[in-house]
Amino acid sequence: MRRVLEYVRASLARECIAYLIVTFALSWGVWLPVLFTSRSHEQLGDLLVIGTFGPSVAAILLSYRGGRLPATKLSTRLVWFTIALLLCWAVLLAHASLWDESRLSVGSKLLLFLQSIFPAWIVSTAFSRDGGIRATMRSLLTPRPFGWHLLSFCLFPAILLLAALMTRIQGVVMHPPAVVGAGSSFAFLVIVEF
């Protein structure tokens, strides 16, 4: 494994190609089986979100160096993992309860918990004992220039507003999604989704 990583790191082009290959392999390796099994088990379609973590997992795998950092505490990583896990699970539960009119079963809650493990693990790698992984993933906790964050924060709503504007110009009637509850639930759903 170490020789493969050394070969990949010798060239920026090789690093980019390796990243794309690993990302697509991880993402589609999750998506294809889930898509085929969700035809008979509709609830498994919720596992598609796990495939979206392919790029992050690829970055973690390709940044592995093999060297241990002595000053790293496992307890710090566990604390961050737990915080991210609970936060992600709360967001997914809020999303599911606002979109689904029926009560969530224990199985559904456990499925959402499983989905929450992946982003929690990715965030906790910022405290990895491996120097390469830690350096790569540390940017999750130490923000870079504010302008890029502002752009990423505003870009998705701007795309949605542009699509709504284009739809309105074409004279097509837009219908808000059917959400459980009244207008305040819809506003809360927009915040949770964003």
N, C-alpha and C. Protein backbone atom coordinates (compact mmCIF):
# COMPACT_ATOMS: atom_id res chain seq x y z
N MET A 1 0.83 -1.20 0.00
CA MET A 1 0.00 0.00 0.00
C MET A 1 0.87 1.26 0.00
N ARG A 2 1.93 1.22 0.79
CA ARG A 2 2.79 2.40 0.89
C ARG A 2 3.46 2.70 -0.45
N ARG A 3 3.88 1.65 -1.17
CA ARG A 3 4.52 1.87 -2.47
C ARG A 3 3.55 2.45 -3.49
N VAL A 4 2.31 1.99 -3.44
CA VAL A 4 1.29 2.53 -4.34
C VAL A 4 1.08 4.01 -4.07
N LEU A 5 0.99 4.37 -2.79
CA LEU A 5 0.79 5.78 -2.45
C LEU A 5 2.00 6.63 -2.84
N GLU A 6 3.21 6.10 -2.68
CA GLU A 6 4.41 6.85 -3.10
C GLU A 6 4.41 7.07 -4.60
N TYR A 7 4.00 6.05 -5.37
CA TYR A 7 3.91 6.18 -6.82
C TYR A 7 2.89 7.24 -7.21
N VAL A 8 1.74 7.22 -6.56
CA VAL A 8 0.67 8.18 -6.85
C VAL A 8 1.12 9.60 -6.51
N ARG A 9 1.78 9.77 -5.38
CA ARG A 9 2.18 11.12 -4.93
C ARG A 9 3.32 11.71 -5.73
N ALA A 10 3.98 10.92 -6.56
CA ALA A 10 5.12 11.42 -7.33
C ALA A 10 4.70 12.41 -8.41
N SER A 11 3.43 12.43 -8.76
CA SER A 11 2.95 13.32 -9.82
C SER A 11 1.58 13.87 -9.44
N LEU A 12 1.39 15.16 -9.66
CA LEU A 12 0.09 15.79 -9.38
C LEU A 12 -1.01 15.19 -10.25
N ALA A 13 -0.68 14.89 -11.50
CA ALA A 13 -1.68 14.27 -12.39
C ALA A 13 -2.09 12.90 -11.87
N ARG A 14 -1.12 12.12 -11.39
CA ARG A 14 -1.44 10.80 -10.84
C ARG A 14 -2.31 10.92 -9.59
N GLU A 15 -2.02 11.93 -8.77
CA GLU A 15 -2.83 12.14 -7.57
C GLU A 15 -4.28 12.45 -7.94
N CYS A 16 -4.46 13.32 -8.92
CA CYS A 16 -5.82 13.69 -9.35
C CYS A 16 -6.55 12.48 -9.94
N ILE A 17 -5.87 11.72 -10.79
CA ILE A 17 -6.49 10.55 -11.40
C ILE A 17 -6.83 9.51 -10.34
N ALA A 18 -5.91 9.27 -9.41
CA ALA A 18 -6.17 8.31 -8.34
C ALA A 18 -7.35 8.76 -7.48
N TYR A 19 -7.40 10.05 -7.20
CA TYR A 19 -8.51 10.58 -6.40
C TYR A 19 -9.85 10.35 -7.10
N LEU A 20 -9.90 10.64 -8.40
CA LEU A 20 -11.14 10.44 -9.15
C LEU A 20 -11.53 8.97 -9.20
N ILE A 21 -10.57 8.09 -9.43
CA ILE A 21 -10.87 6.66 -9.51
C ILE A 21 -11.39 6.14 -8.18
N VAL A 22 -10.70 6.49 -7.09
CA VAL A 22 -11.12 6.01 -5.77
C VAL A 22 -12.48 6.61 -5.40
N THR A 23 -12.68 7.89 -5.68
CA THR A 23 -13.96 8.53 -5.38
C THR A 23 -15.12 7.85 -6.11
N PHE A 24 -14.97 7.66 -7.41
CA PHE A 24 -16.04 7.02 -8.18
C PHE A 24 -16.25 5.58 -7.74
N ALA A 25 -15.18 4.86 -7.46
CA ALA A 25 -15.31 3.46 -7.02
C ALA A 25 -16.07 3.39 -5.69
N LEU A 26 -15.73 4.26 -4.75
CA LEU A 26 -16.42 4.24 -3.46
C LEU A 26 -17.88 4.66 -3.58
N SER A 27 -18.13 5.75 -4.28
CA SER A 27 -19.50 6.25 -4.40
C SER A 27 -20.39 5.29 -5.16
N TRP A 28 -19.95 4.90 -6.35
CA TRP A 28 -20.78 4.01 -7.16
C TRP A 28 -20.81 2.60 -6.58
N GLY A 29 -19.79 2.24 -5.82
CA GLY A 29 -19.79 0.95 -5.14
C GLY A 29 -20.89 0.86 -4.09
N VAL A 30 -21.31 2.00 -3.58
CA VAL A 30 -22.45 2.05 -2.65
C VAL A 30 -23.75 2.24 -3.43
N TRP A 31 -23.75 3.19 -4.36
CA TRP A 31 -24.99 3.55 -5.05
C TRP A 31 -25.61 2.40 -5.85
N LEU A 32 -24.81 1.70 -6.63
CA LEU A 32 -25.38 0.65 -7.48
C LEU A 32 -26.07 -0.45 -6.70
N PRO A 33 -25.42 -1.06 -5.69
CA PRO A 33 -26.14 -2.08 -4.93
C PRO A 33 -27.38 -1.54 -4.22
N VAL A 34 -27.30 -0.33 -3.69
CA VAL A 34 -28.46 0.24 -3.00
C VAL A 34 -29.60 0.49 -3.99
N LEU A 35 -29.28 0.99 -5.17
CA LEU A 35 -30.32 1.22 -6.17
C LEU A 35 -31.02 -0.08 -6.57
N PHE A 36 -30.24 -1.13 -6.75
CA PHE A 36 -30.85 -2.41 -7.14
C PHE A 36 -31.66 -3.03 -6.01
N THR A 37 -31.19 -2.93 -4.77
CA THR A 37 -31.93 -3.53 -3.66
C THR A 37 -33.11 -2.66 -3.22
N SER A 38 -33.05 -1.36 -3.47
CA SER A 38 -34.14 -0.49 -3.03
C SER A 38 -35.40 -0.68 -3.89
N ARG A 39 -35.27 -1.38 -5.00
CA ARG A 39 -36.46 -1.67 -5.81
C ARG A 39 -37.41 -2.59 -5.04
N SER A 40 -36.83 -3.52 -4.28
CA SER A 40 -37.67 -4.43 -3.52
C SER A 40 -37.82 -4.00 -2.06
N HIS A 41 -36.87 -3.23 -1.57
CA HIS A 41 -36.91 -2.73 -0.18
C HIS A 41 -36.78 -1.20 -0.25
N GLU A 42 -37.91 -0.52 -0.36
CA GLU A 42 -37.92 0.93 -0.59
C GLU A 42 -37.15 1.72 0.46
N GLN A 43 -37.18 1.27 1.70
CA GLN A 43 -36.55 2.02 2.78
C GLN A 43 -35.03 2.05 2.63
N LEU A 44 -34.45 1.08 1.94
CA LEU A 44 -33.00 1.06 1.75
C LEU A 44 -32.51 2.20 0.87
N GLY A 45 -33.42 2.84 0.14
CA GLY A 45 -33.04 3.98 -0.69
C GLY A 45 -32.42 5.10 0.12
N ASP A 46 -32.73 5.15 1.41
CA ASP A 46 -32.14 6.17 2.28
C ASP A 46 -30.63 5.98 2.43
N LEU A 47 -30.13 4.80 2.14
CA LEU A 47 -28.69 4.55 2.25
C LEU A 47 -27.89 5.18 1.11
N LEU A 48 -28.57 5.71 0.11
CA LEU A 48 -27.86 6.37 -1.00
C LEU A 48 -26.97 7.50 -0.51
N VAL A 49 -27.36 8.13 0.59
CA VAL A 49 -26.59 9.25 1.12
C VAL A 49 -25.17 8.82 1.51
N ILE A 50 -24.98 7.55 1.85
CA ILE A 50 -23.65 7.07 2.24
C ILE A 50 -22.68 7.20 1.07
N GLY A 51 -23.15 7.01 -0.15
CA GLY A 51 -22.28 7.14 -1.31
C GLY A 51 -21.75 8.55 -1.52
N THR A 52 -22.43 9.55 -0.96
CA THR A 52 -21.97 10.92 -1.13
C THR A 52 -20.68 11.20 -0.36
N PHE A 53 -20.31 10.30 0.54
CA PHE A 53 -19.08 10.50 1.30
C PHE A 53 -17.86 9.92 0.59
N GLY A 54 -18.04 9.41 -0.61
CA GLY A 54 -16.93 8.86 -1.39
C GLY A 54 -15.76 9.82 -1.55
N PRO A 55 -16.00 11.09 -1.91
CA PRO A 55 -14.87 12.02 -2.06
C PRO A 55 -14.09 12.23 -0.76
N SER A 56 -14.77 12.33 0.36
CA SER A 56 -14.08 12.53 1.64
C SER A 56 -13.27 11.30 2.03
N VAL A 57 -13.87 10.13 1.85
CA VAL A 57 -13.16 8.90 2.20
C VAL A 57 -11.97 8.70 1.27
N ALA A 58 -12.12 9.06 -0.01
CA ALA A 58 -10.99 8.97 -0.94
C ALA A 58 -9.85 9.88 -0.51
N ALA A 59 -10.18 11.09 -0.08
CA ALA A 59 -9.14 12.02 0.40
C ALA A 59 -8.43 11.46 1.62
N ILE A 60 -9.18 10.85 2.51
CA ILE A 60 -8.58 10.25 3.71
C ILE A 60 -7.65 9.11 3.33
N LEU A 61 -8.12 8.23 2.46
CA LEU A 61 -7.30 7.08 2.05
C LEU A 61 -6.02 7.51 1.34
N LEU A 62 -6.13 8.49 0.46
CA LEU A 62 -4.97 8.91 -0.32
C LEU A 62 -4.01 9.79 0.46
N SER A 63 -4.43 10.32 1.60
CA SER A 63 -3.53 11.15 2.40
C SER A 63 -2.83 10.36 3.50
N TYR A 64 -3.07 9.07 3.56
CA TYR A 64 -2.42 8.22 4.57
C TYR A 64 -0.92 8.24 4.38
N ARG A 65 -0.17 8.45 5.47
CA ARG A 65 1.29 8.49 5.42
C ARG A 65 1.93 7.35 6.20
N GLY A 66 1.24 6.84 7.19
CA GLY A 66 1.78 5.73 7.97
C GLY A 66 2.55 6.16 9.21
N GLY A 67 2.83 7.45 9.35
CA GLY A 67 3.56 7.93 10.52
C GLY A 67 2.61 8.34 11.63
N ARG A 68 2.93 7.96 12.83
CA ARG A 68 2.08 8.29 13.98
C ARG A 68 2.52 9.60 14.61
N LEU A 69 1.55 10.40 15.01
CA LEU A 69 1.83 11.63 15.75
C LEU A 69 1.74 11.31 17.24
N PRO A 70 2.78 11.59 18.00
CA PRO A 70 2.78 11.21 19.42
C PRO A 70 1.82 12.04 20.28
N ALA A 71 1.54 13.27 19.90
CA ALA A 71 0.76 14.16 20.77
C ALA A 71 -0.75 14.03 20.57
N THR A 72 -1.19 13.03 19.83
CA THR A 72 -2.60 12.89 19.53
C THR A 72 -3.29 12.03 20.58
N LYS A 73 -4.40 12.54 21.11
CA LYS A 73 -5.16 11.79 22.11
C LYS A 73 -6.38 11.17 21.46
N LEU A 74 -6.61 9.92 21.75
CA LEU A 74 -7.77 9.22 21.22
C LEU A 74 -9.07 9.78 21.80
N SER A 75 -9.01 10.27 23.04
CA SER A 75 -10.22 10.80 23.68
C SER A 75 -10.75 12.03 22.95
N THR A 76 -9.86 12.88 22.43
CA THR A 76 -10.29 14.06 21.69
C THR A 76 -11.03 13.65 20.43
N ARG A 77 -10.49 12.65 19.74
CA ARG A 77 -11.15 12.17 18.53
C ARG A 77 -12.52 11.58 18.87
N LEU A 78 -12.62 10.84 19.95
CA LEU A 78 -13.90 10.25 20.34
C LEU A 78 -14.93 11.31 20.70
N VAL A 79 -14.49 12.38 21.35
CA VAL A 79 -15.41 13.47 21.69
C VAL A 79 -15.95 14.12 20.41
N TRP A 80 -15.07 14.44 19.47
CA TRP A 80 -15.51 15.05 18.21
C TRP A 80 -16.40 14.10 17.42
N PHE A 81 -16.06 12.81 17.41
CA PHE A 81 -16.89 11.82 16.73
C PHE A 81 -18.30 11.80 17.33
N THR A 82 -18.38 11.79 18.65
CA THR A 82 -19.68 11.74 19.33
C THR A 82 -20.50 13.00 19.06
N ILE A 83 -19.88 14.17 19.12
CA ILE A 83 -20.58 15.42 18.85
C ILE A 83 -21.12 15.44 17.42
N ALA A 84 -20.27 15.09 16.46
CA ALA A 84 -20.70 15.09 15.06
C ALA A 84 -21.77 14.03 14.82
N LEU A 85 -21.64 12.88 15.45
CA LEU A 85 -22.62 11.80 15.29
C LEU A 85 -24.00 12.24 15.77
N LEU A 86 -24.05 12.81 16.97
CA LEU A 86 -25.33 13.23 17.52
C LEU A 86 -25.94 14.39 16.73
N LEU A 87 -25.11 15.32 16.28
CA LEU A 87 -25.60 16.44 15.48
C LEU A 87 -26.16 15.95 14.14
N CYS A 88 -25.42 15.08 13.47
CA CYS A 88 -25.90 14.54 12.18
C CYS A 88 -27.18 13.74 12.37
N TRP A 89 -27.24 12.94 13.41
CA TRP A 89 -28.42 12.12 13.66
C TRP A 89 -29.64 13.00 13.94
N ALA A 90 -29.44 14.08 14.70
CA ALA A 90 -30.54 15.00 14.99
C ALA A 90 -31.06 15.65 13.71
N VAL A 91 -30.16 16.05 12.82
CA VAL A 91 -30.58 16.67 11.55
C VAL A 91 -31.34 15.66 10.70
N LEU A 92 -30.84 14.43 10.61
CA LEU A 92 -31.52 13.41 9.81
C LEU A 92 -32.88 13.04 10.40
N LEU A 93 -32.97 12.99 11.73
CA LEU A 93 -34.27 12.71 12.36
C LEU A 93 -35.26 13.84 12.10
N ALA A 94 -34.79 15.09 12.18
CA ALA A 94 -35.65 16.24 11.91
C ALA A 94 -36.12 16.21 10.45
N HIS A 95 -35.20 15.91 9.56
CA HIS A 95 -35.55 15.81 8.13
C HIS A 95 -36.61 14.74 7.91
N ALA A 96 -36.38 13.56 8.45
CA ALA A 96 -37.31 12.44 8.25
C ALA A 96 -38.67 12.71 8.88
N SER A 97 -38.68 13.31 10.04
CA SER A 97 -39.97 13.55 10.70
C SER A 97 -40.77 14.64 10.00
N LEU A 98 -40.11 15.58 9.34
CA LEU A 98 -40.83 16.63 8.62
C LEU A 98 -41.33 16.16 7.26
N TRP A 99 -40.61 15.24 6.62
CA TRP A 99 -41.03 14.76 5.31
C TRP A 99 -42.01 13.60 5.41
N ASP A 100 -41.90 12.80 6.45
CA ASP A 100 -42.70 11.59 6.57
C ASP A 100 -43.85 11.83 7.54
N GLU A 101 -45.07 11.54 7.09
CA GLU A 101 -46.23 11.79 7.93
C GLU A 101 -46.40 10.74 9.02
N SER A 102 -45.88 9.56 8.82
CA SER A 102 -46.01 8.52 9.85
C SER A 102 -44.87 8.64 10.87
N ARG A 103 -45.06 8.01 11.99
CA ARG A 103 -44.02 8.03 13.02
C ARG A 103 -42.85 7.18 12.56
N LEU A 104 -41.67 7.58 12.93
CA LEU A 104 -40.48 6.82 12.55
C LEU A 104 -40.39 5.56 13.40
N SER A 105 -40.15 4.44 12.75
CA SER A 105 -39.98 3.19 13.48
C SER A 105 -38.57 3.14 14.07
N VAL A 106 -38.36 2.20 14.95
CA VAL A 106 -37.03 2.02 15.55
C VAL A 106 -36.02 1.68 14.46
N GLY A 107 -36.44 0.84 13.50
CA GLY A 107 -35.56 0.48 12.39
C GLY A 107 -35.15 1.68 11.56
N SER A 108 -36.11 2.60 11.32
CA SER A 108 -35.80 3.82 10.57
C SER A 108 -34.81 4.70 11.33
N LYS A 109 -35.00 4.80 12.63
CA LYS A 109 -34.08 5.61 13.44
C LYS A 109 -32.68 5.00 13.44
N LEU A 110 -32.60 3.68 13.49
CA LEU A 110 -31.29 3.02 13.45
C LEU A 110 -30.62 3.20 12.09
N LEU A 111 -31.41 3.18 11.02
CA LEU A 111 -30.88 3.42 9.68
C LEU A 111 -30.32 4.84 9.57
N LEU A 112 -31.02 5.79 10.15
CA LEU A 112 -30.52 7.17 10.16
C LEU A 112 -29.27 7.30 11.02
N PHE A 113 -29.21 6.54 12.10
CA PHE A 113 -28.01 6.53 12.95
C PHE A 113 -26.82 6.00 12.16
N LEU A 114 -27.04 4.94 11.38
CA LEU A 114 -25.98 4.37 10.55
C LEU A 114 -25.45 5.40 9.56
N GLN A 115 -26.36 6.16 8.96
CA GLN A 115 -25.95 7.21 8.03
C GLN A 115 -25.14 8.29 8.72
N SER A 116 -25.40 8.53 9.98
CA SER A 116 -24.71 9.59 10.73
C SER A 116 -23.28 9.20 11.08
N ILE A 117 -22.98 7.94 11.06
CA ILE A 117 -21.64 7.47 11.43
C ILE A 117 -20.59 7.99 10.44
N PHE A 118 -20.93 8.02 9.16
CA PHE A 118 -19.95 8.40 8.14
C PHE A 118 -19.48 9.85 8.27
N PRO A 119 -20.37 10.85 8.34
CA PRO A 119 -19.85 12.21 8.52
C PRO A 119 -19.14 12.39 9.86
N ALA A 120 -19.60 11.69 10.90
CA ALA A 120 -18.93 11.79 12.20
C ALA A 120 -17.51 11.25 12.12
N TRP A 121 -17.34 10.13 11.44
CA TRP A 121 -16.00 9.55 11.29
C TRP A 121 -15.10 10.49 10.48
N ILE A 122 -15.66 11.09 9.42
CA ILE A 122 -14.87 11.99 8.58
C ILE A 122 -14.42 13.21 9.38
N VAL A 123 -15.32 13.80 10.16
CA VAL A 123 -14.94 14.97 10.98
C VAL A 123 -13.89 14.57 12.01
N SER A 124 -14.05 13.40 12.61
CA SER A 124 -13.10 12.98 13.66
C SER A 124 -11.71 12.65 13.12
N THR A 125 -11.58 12.44 11.80
CA THR A 125 -10.24 12.18 11.24
C THR A 125 -9.35 13.42 11.30
N ALA A 126 -9.91 14.57 11.60
CA ALA A 126 -9.09 15.76 11.81
C ALA A 126 -8.18 15.58 13.02
N PHE A 127 -8.48 14.58 13.86
CA PHE A 127 -7.65 14.27 15.03
C PHE A 127 -6.99 12.90 14.88
N SER A 128 -6.79 12.47 13.64
CA SER A 128 -6.18 11.18 13.36
C SER A 128 -4.74 11.14 13.89
N ARG A 129 -4.28 9.95 14.21
CA ARG A 129 -2.89 9.78 14.64
C ARG A 129 -1.93 9.79 13.46
N ASP A 130 -2.46 9.58 12.25
CA ASP A 130 -1.63 9.63 11.04
C ASP A 130 -1.45 11.09 10.62
N GLY A 131 -0.21 11.49 10.44
CA GLY A 131 0.09 12.89 10.11
C GLY A 131 -0.50 13.37 8.81
N GLY A 132 -0.50 12.51 7.78
CA GLY A 132 -1.04 12.90 6.48
C GLY A 132 -2.55 13.10 6.51
N ILE A 133 -3.24 12.17 7.14
CA ILE A 133 -4.70 12.29 7.24
C ILE A 133 -5.07 13.50 8.08
N ARG A 134 -4.36 13.68 9.18
CA ARG A 134 -4.65 14.82 10.06
C ARG A 134 -4.44 16.15 9.34
N ALA A 135 -3.35 16.25 8.58
CA ALA A 135 -3.08 17.50 7.86
C ALA A 135 -4.14 17.77 6.80
N THR A 136 -4.58 16.72 6.12
CA THR A 136 -5.59 16.89 5.08
C THR A 136 -6.95 17.28 5.65
N MET A 137 -7.36 16.59 6.70
CA MET A 137 -8.71 16.78 7.23
C MET A 137 -8.80 17.89 8.27
N ARG A 138 -7.68 18.44 8.70
CA ARG A 138 -7.69 19.51 9.70
C ARG A 138 -8.42 20.76 9.20
N SER A 139 -8.47 20.91 7.87
CA SER A 139 -9.15 22.09 7.32
C SER A 139 -10.65 22.07 7.61
N LEU A 140 -11.20 20.92 8.01
CA LEU A 140 -12.60 20.88 8.41
C LEU A 140 -12.85 21.70 9.67
N LEU A 141 -11.83 21.81 10.51
CA LEU A 141 -11.98 22.50 11.79
C LEU A 141 -11.29 23.85 11.85
N THR A 142 -10.41 24.12 10.91
CA THR A 142 -9.73 25.42 10.88
C THR A 142 -10.09 26.10 9.56
N PRO A 143 -11.11 26.94 9.58
CA PRO A 143 -11.61 27.55 8.35
C PRO A 143 -10.55 28.39 7.65
N ARG A 144 -10.62 28.38 6.35
CA ARG A 144 -9.74 29.17 5.50
C ARG A 144 -10.39 30.54 5.28
N PRO A 145 -9.93 31.32 4.31
CA PRO A 145 -10.50 32.65 4.10
C PRO A 145 -12.03 32.63 4.03
N PHE A 146 -12.62 33.62 4.65
CA PHE A 146 -14.07 33.69 4.82
C PHE A 146 -14.81 33.76 3.48
N GLY A 147 -14.23 34.32 2.47
CA GLY A 147 -14.88 34.48 1.18
C GLY A 147 -15.33 33.16 0.57
N TRP A 148 -14.51 32.13 0.68
CA TRP A 148 -14.87 30.82 0.13
C TRP A 148 -16.03 30.20 0.90
N HIS A 149 -16.05 30.41 2.19
CA HIS A 149 -17.16 29.90 2.99
C HIS A 149 -18.45 30.62 2.64
N LEU A 150 -18.36 31.92 2.45
CA LEU A 150 -19.53 32.69 2.07
C LEU A 150 -20.05 32.25 0.71
N LEU A 151 -19.13 32.02 -0.23
CA LEU A 151 -19.53 31.54 -1.56
C LEU A 151 -20.22 30.19 -1.46
N SER A 152 -19.64 29.26 -0.72
CA SER A 152 -20.25 27.93 -0.61
C SER A 152 -21.58 27.98 0.14
N PHE A 153 -21.70 28.89 1.07
CA PHE A 153 -22.93 29.04 1.84
C PHE A 153 -24.06 29.60 0.98
N CYS A 154 -23.73 30.52 0.08
CA CYS A 154 -24.75 31.21 -0.72
C CYS A 154 -24.98 30.58 -2.09
N LEU A 155 -24.07 29.74 -2.57
CA LEU A 155 -24.18 29.22 -3.93
C LEU A 155 -25.40 28.33 -4.12
N PHE A 156 -25.65 27.40 -3.21
CA PHE A 156 -26.78 26.49 -3.38
C PHE A 156 -28.12 27.23 -3.35
N PRO A 157 -28.36 28.12 -2.39
CA PRO A 157 -29.62 28.88 -2.45
C PRO A 157 -29.72 29.73 -3.72
N ALA A 158 -28.59 30.27 -4.19
CA ALA A 158 -28.62 31.07 -5.42
C ALA A 158 -29.03 30.22 -6.62
N ILE A 159 -28.53 28.98 -6.68
CA ILE A 159 -28.91 28.07 -7.77
C ILE A 159 -30.40 27.76 -7.70
N LEU A 160 -30.91 27.51 -6.49
CA LEU A 160 -32.35 27.23 -6.33
C LEU A 160 -33.20 28.43 -6.73
N LEU A 161 -32.77 29.62 -6.31
CA LEU A 161 -33.52 30.83 -6.67
C LEU A 161 -33.48 31.09 -8.17
N LEU A 162 -32.35 30.83 -8.80
CA LEU A 162 -32.23 31.00 -10.24
C LEU A 162 -33.16 30.03 -10.97
N ALA A 163 -33.21 28.79 -10.51
CA ALA A 163 -34.12 27.80 -11.12
C ALA A 163 -35.57 28.22 -10.93
N ALA A 164 -35.91 28.73 -9.75
CA ALA A 164 -37.29 29.19 -9.49
C ALA A 164 -37.63 30.38 -10.38
N LEU A 165 -36.68 31.29 -10.55
CA LEU A 165 -36.89 32.46 -11.40
C LEU A 165 -37.11 32.04 -12.85
N MET A 166 -36.29 31.11 -13.33
CA MET A 166 -36.43 30.64 -14.71
C MET A 166 -37.77 29.93 -14.91
N THR A 167 -38.20 29.19 -13.91
CA THR A 167 -39.50 28.51 -13.98
C THR A 167 -40.62 29.53 -14.03
N ARG A 168 -40.50 30.55 -13.21
CA ARG A 168 -41.52 31.61 -13.15
C ARG A 168 -41.59 32.38 -14.47
N ILE A 169 -40.43 32.68 -15.07
CA ILE A 169 -40.39 33.39 -16.35
C ILE A 169 -41.07 32.58 -17.44
N GLN A 170 -40.92 31.26 -17.38
CA GLN A 170 -41.54 30.40 -18.39
C GLN A 170 -43.04 30.20 -18.14
N GLY A 171 -43.55 30.72 -17.05
CA GLY A 171 -44.97 30.65 -16.76
C GLY A 171 -45.43 29.34 -16.13
N VAL A 172 -44.50 28.56 -15.64
CA VAL A 172 -44.85 27.29 -15.01
C VAL A 172 -45.18 27.56 -13.54
N VAL A 173 -46.24 26.92 -13.05
CA VAL A 173 -46.65 27.10 -11.66
C VAL A 173 -45.80 26.19 -10.78
N MET A 174 -45.24 26.78 -9.76
CA MET A 174 -44.42 26.00 -8.82
C MET A 174 -45.27 25.62 -7.62
N HIS A 175 -45.10 24.40 -7.16
CA HIS A 175 -45.82 23.91 -5.99
C HIS A 175 -44.82 23.59 -4.90
N PRO A 176 -45.05 24.12 -3.70
CA PRO A 176 -44.14 23.77 -2.60
C PRO A 176 -44.29 22.29 -2.25
N PRO A 177 -43.23 21.68 -1.73
CA PRO A 177 -43.32 20.27 -1.37
C PRO A 177 -44.32 20.04 -0.25
N ALA A 178 -44.92 18.87 -0.26
CA ALA A 178 -45.87 18.52 0.81
C ALA A 178 -45.08 18.17 2.05
N VAL A 179 -45.28 18.95 3.09
CA VAL A 179 -44.54 18.76 4.33
C VAL A 179 -45.55 18.56 5.45
N VAL A 180 -45.14 17.81 6.44
CA VAL A 180 -46.01 17.61 7.60
C VAL A 180 -46.12 18.92 8.36
N GLY A 181 -47.33 19.33 8.69
CA GLY A 181 -47.51 20.53 9.50
C GLY A 181 -47.76 21.77 8.66
N ALA A 182 -47.70 22.90 9.33
CA ALA A 182 -48.03 24.18 8.71
C ALA A 182 -46.78 24.88 8.18
N GLY A 183 -46.91 26.17 7.91
CA GLY A 183 -45.83 26.97 7.35
C GLY A 183 -44.58 27.01 8.21
N SER A 184 -44.75 27.01 9.52
CA SER A 184 -43.57 27.06 10.38
C SER A 184 -42.75 25.78 10.24
N SER A 185 -43.40 24.63 10.02
CA SER A 185 -42.68 23.38 9.79
C SER A 185 -41.88 23.46 8.50
N PHE A 186 -42.48 24.09 7.48
CA PHE A 186 -41.78 24.22 6.21
C PHE A 186 -40.55 25.10 6.36
N ALA A 187 -40.67 26.18 7.11
CA ALA A 187 -39.51 27.05 7.33
C ALA A 187 -38.42 26.30 8.09
N PHE A 188 -38.81 25.51 9.09
CA PHE A 188 -37.84 24.70 9.84
C PHE A 188 -37.19 23.66 8.93
N LEU A 189 -37.97 23.07 8.02
CA LEU A 189 -37.44 22.07 7.08
C LEU A 189 -36.40 22.71 6.18
N VAL A 190 -36.66 23.91 5.69
CA VAL A 190 -35.69 24.59 4.82
C VAL A 190 -34.38 24.79 5.57
N ILE A 191 -34.45 25.20 6.83
CA ILE A 191 -33.23 25.41 7.61
C ILE A 191 -32.49 24.09 7.83
N VAL A 192 -33.22 23.04 8.17
CA VAL A 192 -32.59 21.73 8.40
C VAL A 192 -31.97 21.21 7.11
N GLU A 193 -32.70 21.31 6.01
CA GLU A 193 -32.19 20.83 4.73
C GLU A 193 -30.93 21.59 4.32
N PHE A 194 -30.93 22.90 4.56
CA PHE A 194 -29.78 23.69 4.15
C PHE A 194 -28.58 23.37 5.01
